[in-house]
């Protein structure tokens, strides 16, 4: 039950990142694509780190 809010925030961040990549490609904006990809990658990295830290306890 305590994972509900972090998972919801992570899914929202990934959705925003994917939308940034899609809209950046439609507009030929490499900066928006890079920001979207960075957001997705950072969210996945932080999520994995959070899960691994909580498992160690």
PDB file of N, CA and C in Angstrom:
ATOM      1  N   UNK A   1       0.808  -1.196   0.000  1.00  0.00           N
ATOM      2  CA  UNK A   1       0.000   0.000   0.000  1.00  0.00           C
ATOM      3  C   UNK A   1       0.857   1.268   0.000  1.00  0.00           C
ATOM      4  N   UNK A   2       2.064   1.180   0.563  1.00  0.00           N
ATOM      5  CA  UNK A   2       2.899   2.377   0.615  1.00  0.00           C
ATOM      6  C   UNK A   2       3.617   2.656  -0.706  1.00  0.00           C
ATOM      7  N   UNK A   3       3.464   1.772  -1.684  1.00  0.00           N
ATOM      8  CA  UNK A   3       4.072   1.991  -2.992  1.00  0.00           C
ATOM      9  C   UNK A   3       3.141   2.703  -3.961  1.00  0.00           C
ATOM     10  N   UNK A   4       1.917   2.973  -3.567  1.00  0.00           N
ATOM     11  CA  UNK A   4       0.918   3.500  -4.503  1.00  0.00           C
ATOM     12  C   UNK A   4       1.306   4.884  -5.019  1.00  0.00           C
ATOM     13  N   UNK A   5       1.656   5.797  -4.130  1.00  0.00           N
ATOM     14  CA  UNK A   5       1.979   7.163  -4.554  1.00  0.00           C
ATOM     15  C   UNK A   5       3.271   7.216  -5.366  1.00  0.00           C
ATOM     16  N   UNK A   6       4.368   6.574  -4.916  1.00  0.00           N
ATOM     17  CA  UNK A   6       5.584   6.616  -5.751  1.00  0.00           C
ATOM     18  C   UNK A   6       5.387   5.971  -7.125  1.00  0.00           C
ATOM     19  N   UNK A   7       4.617   4.910  -7.203  1.00  0.00           N
ATOM     20  CA  UNK A   7       4.371   4.264  -8.492  1.00  0.00           C
ATOM     21  C   UNK A   7       3.540   5.170  -9.389  1.00  0.00           C
ATOM     22  N   UNK A   8       2.544   5.840  -8.815  1.00  0.00           N
ATOM     23  CA  UNK A   8       1.720   6.755  -9.608  1.00  0.00           C
ATOM     24  C   UNK A   8       2.547   7.922 -10.131  1.00  0.00           C
ATOM     25  N   UNK A   9       3.420   8.471  -9.304  1.00  0.00           N
ATOM     26  CA  UNK A   9       4.279   9.575  -9.734  1.00  0.00           C
ATOM     27  C   UNK A   9       5.255   9.103 -10.814  1.00  0.00           C
ATOM     28  N   UNK A  10       5.796   7.900 -10.644  1.00  0.00           N
ATOM     29  CA  UNK A  10       6.730   7.366 -11.637  1.00  0.00           C
ATOM     30  C   UNK A  10       6.029   7.141 -12.978  1.00  0.00           C
ATOM     31  N   UNK A  11       4.817   6.607 -12.946  1.00  0.00           N
ATOM     32  CA  UNK A  11       4.081   6.392 -14.196  1.00  0.00           C
ATOM     33  C   UNK A  11       3.744   7.709 -14.883  1.00  0.00           C
ATOM     34  N   UNK A  12       3.401   8.708 -14.097  1.00  0.00           N
ATOM     35  CA  UNK A  12       3.123  10.028 -14.669  1.00  0.00           C
ATOM     36  C   UNK A  12       4.384  10.628 -15.304  1.00  0.00           C
ATOM     37  N   UNK A  13       5.521  10.492 -14.630  1.00  0.00           N
ATOM     38  CA  UNK A  13       6.776  11.017 -15.177  1.00  0.00           C
ATOM     39  C   UNK A  13       7.166  10.288 -16.458  1.00  0.00           C
ATOM     40  N   UNK A  14       6.983   8.985 -16.493  1.00  0.00           N
ATOM     41  CA  UNK A  14       7.300   8.226 -17.704  1.00  0.00           C
ATOM     42  C   UNK A  14       6.362   8.628 -18.842  1.00  0.00           C
ATOM     43  N   UNK A  15       5.085   8.816 -18.532  1.00  0.00           N
ATOM     44  CA  UNK A  15       4.136   9.237 -19.565  1.00  0.00           C
ATOM     45  C   UNK A  15       4.495  10.615 -20.115  1.00  0.00           C
ATOM     46  N   UNK A  16       4.893  11.530 -19.242  1.00  0.00           N
ATOM     47  CA  UNK A  16       5.314  12.856 -19.702  1.00  0.00           C
ATOM     48  C   UNK A  16       6.582  12.777 -20.550  1.00  0.00           C
ATOM     49  N   UNK A  17       7.505  11.922 -20.158  1.00  0.00           N
ATOM     50  CA  UNK A  17       8.730  11.750 -20.937  1.00  0.00           C
ATOM     51  C   UNK A  17       8.458  11.188 -22.319  1.00  0.00           C
ATOM     52  N   UNK A  18       7.598  10.186 -22.379  1.00  0.00           N
ATOM     53  CA  UNK A  18       7.249   9.597 -23.676  1.00  0.00           C
ATOM     54  C   UNK A  18       6.521  10.631 -24.539  1.00  0.00           C
ATOM     55  N   UNK A  19       5.630  11.401 -23.928  1.00  0.00           N
ATOM     56  CA  UNK A  19       4.936  12.452 -24.685  1.00  0.00           C
ATOM     57  C   UNK A  19       5.931  13.482 -25.206  1.00  0.00           C
ATOM     58  N   UNK A  20       6.939  13.805 -24.413  1.00  0.00           N
ATOM     59  CA  UNK A  20       7.966  14.743 -24.866  1.00  0.00           C
ATOM     60  C   UNK A  20       8.736  14.218 -26.052  1.00  0.00           C
ATOM     61  N   UNK A  21       9.044  12.940 -26.035  1.00  0.00           N
ATOM     62  CA  UNK A  21       9.760  12.338 -27.164  1.00  0.00           C
ATOM     63  C   UNK A  21       8.876  12.354 -28.413  1.00  0.00           C
ATOM     64  N   UNK A  22       7.619  11.984 -28.251  1.00  0.00           N
ATOM     65  CA  UNK A  22       6.705  11.934 -29.401  1.00  0.00           C
ATOM     66  C   UNK A  22       6.472  13.329 -29.977  1.00  0.00           C
ATOM     67  N   UNK A  23       6.164  14.292 -29.110  1.00  0.00           N
ATOM     68  CA  UNK A  23       5.915  15.648 -29.603  1.00  0.00           C
ATOM     69  C   UNK A  23       7.194  16.304 -30.123  1.00  0.00           C
ATOM     70  N   UNK A  24       8.326  15.948 -29.548  1.00  0.00           N
ATOM     71  CA  UNK A  24       9.591  16.483 -30.041  1.00  0.00           C
ATOM     72  C   UNK A  24       9.916  15.975 -31.427  1.00  0.00           C
ATOM     73  N   UNK A  25       9.555  14.722 -31.688  1.00  0.00           N
ATOM     74  CA  UNK A  25       9.801  14.175 -33.017  1.00  0.00           C
ATOM     75  C   UNK A  25       8.856  14.797 -34.043  1.00  0.00           C
ATOM     76  N   UNK A  26       7.636  15.068 -33.647  1.00  0.00           N
ATOM     77  CA  UNK A  26       6.677  15.668 -34.570  1.00  0.00           C
ATOM     78  C   UNK A  26       7.082  17.095 -34.936  1.00  0.00           C
ATOM     79  N   UNK A  27       7.753  17.770 -34.016  1.00  0.00           N
ATOM     80  CA  UNK A  27       8.139  19.167 -34.226  1.00  0.00           C
ATOM     81  C   UNK A  27       9.601  19.294 -34.659  1.00  0.00           C
ATOM     82  N   UNK A  28      10.303  18.183 -34.824  1.00  0.00           N
ATOM     83  CA  UNK A  28      11.743  18.165 -35.125  1.00  0.00           C
ATOM     84  C   UNK A  28      12.544  18.941 -34.088  1.00  0.00           C
ATOM     85  N   UNK A  29      12.250  18.707 -32.851  1.00  0.00           N
ATOM     86  CA  UNK A  29      12.933  19.393 -31.758  1.00  0.00           C
ATOM     87  C   UNK A  29      13.806  18.387 -31.000  1.00  0.00           C
ATOM     88  N   UNK A  30      15.111  18.367 -31.284  1.00  0.00           N
ATOM     89  CA  UNK A  30      15.974  17.395 -30.600  1.00  0.00           C
ATOM     90  C   UNK A  30      16.100  17.674 -29.112  1.00  0.00           C
ATOM     91  N   UNK A  31      15.941  18.925 -28.708  1.00  0.00           N
ATOM     92  CA  UNK A  31      16.040  19.249 -27.289  1.00  0.00           C
ATOM     93  C   UNK A  31      14.895  18.660 -26.492  1.00  0.00           C
ATOM     94  N   UNK A  32      13.689  18.733 -27.028  1.00  0.00           N
ATOM     95  CA  UNK A  32      12.527  18.163 -26.341  1.00  0.00           C
ATOM     96  C   UNK A  32      12.620  16.644 -26.304  1.00  0.00           C
ATOM     97  N   UNK A  33      13.125  16.045 -27.352  1.00  0.00           N
ATOM     98  CA  UNK A  33      13.315  14.594 -27.358  1.00  0.00           C
ATOM     99  C   UNK A  33      14.332  14.182 -26.308  1.00  0.00           C
ATOM    100  N   UNK A  34      15.414  14.924 -26.195  1.00  0.00           N
ATOM    101  CA  UNK A  34      16.447  14.598 -25.211  1.00  0.00           C
ATOM    102  C   UNK A  34      15.923  14.760 -23.784  1.00  0.00           C
ATOM    103  N   UNK A  35      15.162  15.825 -23.540  1.00  0.00           N
ATOM    104  CA  UNK A  35      14.586  16.012 -22.206  1.00  0.00           C
ATOM    105  C   UNK A  35      13.593  14.901 -21.866  1.00  0.00           C
ATOM    106  N   UNK A  36      12.778  14.506 -22.825  1.00  0.00           N
ATOM    107  CA  UNK A  36      11.834  13.417 -22.591  1.00  0.00           C
ATOM    108  C   UNK A  36      12.535  12.108 -22.307  1.00  0.00           C
ATOM    109  N   UNK A  37      13.564  11.802 -23.088  1.00  0.00           N
ATOM    110  CA  UNK A  37      14.319  10.568 -22.867  1.00  0.00           C
ATOM    111  C   UNK A  37      15.045  10.603 -21.526  1.00  0.00           C
ATOM    112  N   UNK A  38      15.599  11.752 -21.175  1.00  0.00           N
ATOM    113  CA  UNK A  38      16.288  11.878 -19.892  1.00  0.00           C
ATOM    114  C   UNK A  38      15.316  11.698 -18.727  1.00  0.00           C
ATOM    115  N   UNK A  39      14.104  12.222 -18.870  1.00  0.00           N
ATOM    116  CA  UNK A  39      13.102  12.069 -17.823  1.00  0.00           C
ATOM    117  C   UNK A  39      12.715  10.606 -17.639  1.00  0.00           C
ATOM    118  N   UNK A  40      12.524   9.889 -18.732  1.00  0.00           N
ATOM    119  CA  UNK A  40      12.173   8.473 -18.651  1.00  0.00           C
ATOM    120  C   UNK A  40      13.311   7.675 -18.015  1.00  0.00           C
ATOM    121  N   UNK A  41      14.526   7.905 -18.455  1.00  0.00           N
ATOM    122  CA  UNK A  41      15.671   7.157 -17.930  1.00  0.00           C
ATOM    123  C   UNK A  41      15.889   7.464 -16.457  1.00  0.00           C
ATOM    124  N   UNK A  42      15.808   8.735 -16.078  1.00  0.00           N
ATOM    125  CA  UNK A  42      16.007   9.102 -14.673  1.00  0.00           C
ATOM    126  C   UNK A  42      14.930   8.504 -13.786  1.00  0.00           C
ATOM    127  N   UNK A  43      13.696   8.486 -14.253  1.00  0.00           N
ATOM    128  CA  UNK A  43      12.611   7.904 -13.463  1.00  0.00           C
ATOM    129  C   UNK A  43      12.830   6.412 -13.255  1.00  0.00           C
ATOM    130  N   UNK A  44      13.250   5.714 -14.283  1.00  0.00           N
ATOM    131  CA  UNK A  44      13.510   4.277 -14.153  1.00  0.00           C
ATOM    132  C   UNK A  44      14.669   4.027 -13.201  1.00  0.00           C
ATOM    133  N   UNK A  45      15.735   4.803 -13.316  1.00  0.00           N
ATOM    134  CA  UNK A  45      16.901   4.631 -12.440  1.00  0.00           C
ATOM    135  C   UNK A  45      16.524   4.878 -10.981  1.00  0.00           C
ATOM    136  N   UNK A  46      15.815   5.970 -10.716  1.00  0.00           N
ATOM    137  CA  UNK A  46      15.424   6.265  -9.335  1.00  0.00           C
ATOM    138  C   UNK A  46      14.449   5.231  -8.799  1.00  0.00           C
ATOM    139  N   UNK A  47      13.562   4.730  -9.630  1.00  0.00           N
ATOM    140  CA  UNK A  47      12.630   3.691  -9.195  1.00  0.00           C
ATOM    141  C   UNK A  47      13.335   2.399  -8.827  1.00  0.00           C
ATOM    142  N   UNK A  48      14.281   1.994  -9.641  1.00  0.00           N
ATOM    143  CA  UNK A  48      15.043   0.770  -9.357  1.00  0.00           C
ATOM    144  C   UNK A  48      15.862   0.946  -8.084  1.00  0.00           C
ATOM    145  N   UNK A  49      16.491   2.099  -7.922  1.00  0.00           N
ATOM    146  CA  UNK A  49      17.268   2.353  -6.700  1.00  0.00           C
ATOM    147  C   UNK A  49      16.385   2.323  -5.461  1.00  0.00           C
ATOM    148  N   UNK A  50      15.200   2.880  -5.561  1.00  0.00           N
ATOM    149  CA  UNK A  50      14.281   2.894  -4.428  1.00  0.00           C
ATOM    150  C   UNK A  50      13.870   1.474  -4.043  1.00  0.00           C
ATOM    151  N   UNK A  51      13.541   0.661  -5.023  1.00  0.00           N
ATOM    152  CA  UNK A  51      13.139  -0.717  -4.740  1.00  0.00           C
ATOM    153  C   UNK A  51      14.294  -1.501  -4.140  1.00  0.00           C
ATOM    154  N   UNK A  52      15.495  -1.332  -4.674  1.00  0.00           N
ATOM    155  CA  UNK A  52      16.634  -2.065  -4.154  1.00  0.00           C
ATOM    156  C   UNK A  52      16.987  -1.632  -2.729  1.00  0.00           C
ATOM    157  N   UNK A  53      16.867  -0.369  -2.427  1.00  0.00           N
ATOM    158  CA  UNK A  53      17.141   0.127  -1.069  1.00  0.00           C
ATOM    159  C   UNK A  53      16.123  -0.424  -0.069  1.00  0.00           C
ATOM    160  N   UNK A  54      14.862  -0.486  -0.479  1.00  0.00           N
ATOM    161  CA  UNK A  54      13.832  -0.984   0.437  1.00  0.00           C
ATOM    162  C   UNK A  54      13.942  -2.478   0.647  1.00  0.00           C
ATOM    163  N   UNK A  55      14.480  -3.218  -0.323  1.00  0.00           N
ATOM    164  CA  UNK A  55      14.662  -4.644  -0.156  1.00  0.00           C
ATOM    165  C   UNK A  55      15.782  -4.966   0.803  1.00  0.00           C
ATOM    166  N   UNK A  56      16.806  -4.121   0.856  1.00  0.00           N
ATOM    167  CA  UNK A  56      17.959  -4.371   1.724  1.00  0.00           C
ATOM    168  C   UNK A  56      17.611  -4.296   3.205  1.00  0.00           C
ATOM    169  N   UNK A  57      16.574  -3.549   3.539  1.00  0.00           N
ATOM    170  CA  UNK A  57      16.203  -3.368   4.946  1.00  0.00           C
ATOM    171  C   UNK A  57      15.644  -4.587   5.563  1.00  0.00           C
TER     172      UNK A  57
END
